[in-house]
């Protein structure tokens, strides 16, 4: 009985991971929100970032390598020396590596 409960819990966890694995659209939304919430810069810079956040995010997502492992995804963004790696899991993203050489 205890083994059956463990199997059911693991199956629910795996099913939850599979269903909540975020896609490219969610990644663009995440990057857009990240750009818009940038607290640095002057008022003009913030206004321009807000105005152009969606096109910038789309540009960044076009330069992103996506590895979909069905239960989670890894997003590697590289533009020149600007490099970021994100883990997408449970409908959210976590920055796991940052490099600006």
Protein backbone atom coordinates (compact mmCIF):
# COMPACT_ATOMS: atom_id res chain seq x y z
CA UNK A 1 0.00 0.00 0.00
CA UNK A 2 2.83 2.38 0.87
CA UNK A 3 4.56 1.63 -2.46
CA UNK A 4 1.34 2.36 -4.35
CA UNK A 5 1.04 5.74 -2.64
CA UNK A 6 4.64 6.60 -3.58
CA UNK A 7 4.03 5.56 -7.20
CA UNK A 8 0.89 7.71 -7.35
CA UNK A 9 2.70 10.74 -5.88
CA UNK A 10 5.60 10.36 -8.34
CA UNK A 11 3.15 10.00 -11.24
CA UNK A 12 1.33 13.18 -10.13
CA UNK A 13 4.63 15.06 -9.88
CA UNK A 14 5.75 13.92 -13.34
CA UNK A 15 2.32 14.73 -14.79
CA UNK A 16 2.41 18.16 -13.17
CA UNK A 17 5.86 18.84 -14.59
CA UNK A 18 4.75 17.77 -18.06
CA UNK A 19 1.59 19.90 -18.05
CA UNK A 20 3.30 23.03 -16.66
CA UNK A 21 6.40 22.95 -18.89
CA UNK A 22 6.47 26.53 -20.26
CA UNK A 23 6.89 27.17 -23.98
CA UNK A 24 8.37 29.90 -26.16
CA UNK A 25 5.34 32.19 -25.80
CA UNK A 26 5.67 32.12 -22.01
CA UNK A 27 9.40 32.81 -22.35
CA UNK A 28 8.75 35.92 -24.47
CA UNK A 29 6.24 37.12 -21.84
CA UNK A 30 8.78 36.50 -19.09
CA UNK A 31 11.54 38.43 -20.90
CA UNK A 32 9.10 41.26 -21.70
CA UNK A 33 8.14 41.58 -18.03
CA UNK A 34 11.79 41.39 -17.00
CA UNK A 35 12.66 44.27 -19.36
CA UNK A 36 9.68 46.35 -18.23
CA UNK A 37 10.50 45.89 -14.54
CA UNK A 38 14.08 47.10 -14.94
CA UNK A 39 14.54 49.63 -12.13
CA UNK A 40 17.76 51.16 -13.50
CA UNK A 41 17.90 54.12 -15.85
CA UNK A 42 16.28 57.49 -16.30
CA UNK A 43 12.63 58.18 -17.02
CA UNK A 44 13.30 58.32 -20.76
CA UNK A 45 15.16 55.00 -20.71
CA UNK A 46 12.31 53.39 -18.77
CA UNK A 47 9.76 54.78 -21.23
CA UNK A 48 11.71 53.46 -24.23
CA UNK A 49 12.21 50.08 -22.57
CA UNK A 50 8.49 49.87 -21.87
CA UNK A 51 7.62 50.92 -25.42
CA UNK A 52 10.01 48.50 -27.11
CA UNK A 53 10.00 45.66 -24.57
CA UNK A 54 7.88 43.30 -26.71
CA UNK A 55 10.00 43.67 -29.91
CA UNK A 56 13.20 43.40 -27.85
CA UNK A 57 11.91 40.26 -26.12
CA UNK A 58 10.92 38.75 -29.48
CA UNK A 59 14.40 39.55 -30.86
CA UNK A 60 16.01 37.91 -27.83
CA UNK A 61 13.79 34.83 -28.11
CA UNK A 62 14.80 34.50 -31.78
CA UNK A 63 18.40 34.28 -30.57
CA UNK A 64 17.58 31.68 -27.93
CA UNK A 65 18.27 27.98 -28.15
CA UNK A 66 15.46 25.98 -26.54
CA UNK A 67 15.99 22.47 -25.25
CA UNK A 68 12.61 20.94 -24.39
CA UNK A 69 12.95 17.92 -22.11
CA UNK A 70 9.14 17.52 -21.81
CA UNK A 71 9.20 17.91 -17.99
CA UNK A 72 11.25 21.13 -18.08
CA UNK A 73 13.00 23.30 -20.65
CA UNK A 74 16.38 25.00 -20.81
CA UNK A 75 16.65 28.34 -22.65
CA UNK A 76 20.13 29.51 -23.71
CA UNK A 77 20.29 33.09 -24.97
CA UNK A 78 23.51 34.30 -26.57
CA UNK A 79 24.08 37.61 -28.35
CA UNK A 80 27.78 38.43 -28.57
CA UNK A 81 29.14 38.41 -25.03
CA UNK A 82 25.63 38.63 -23.51
CA UNK A 83 24.78 35.10 -22.37
CA UNK A 84 21.93 33.90 -20.17
CA UNK A 85 20.60 30.46 -19.33
CA UNK A 86 17.12 29.94 -17.91
CA UNK A 87 15.32 26.90 -16.55
CA UNK A 88 11.62 26.74 -17.37
CA UNK A 89 9.63 24.57 -14.97
CA UNK A 90 6.18 24.74 -13.33
CA UNK A 91 5.12 27.66 -15.62
CA UNK A 92 7.96 29.88 -14.41
CA UNK A 93 11.56 30.68 -15.26
CA UNK A 94 14.72 30.75 -13.19
CA UNK A 95 17.95 32.33 -14.37
CA UNK A 96 20.59 29.68 -13.72
CA UNK A 97 23.61 31.19 -15.49
CA UNK A 98 24.70 34.70 -16.45
CA UNK A 99 27.77 35.83 -18.34
CA UNK A 100 28.83 39.19 -19.77
CA UNK A 101 32.42 39.00 -20.97
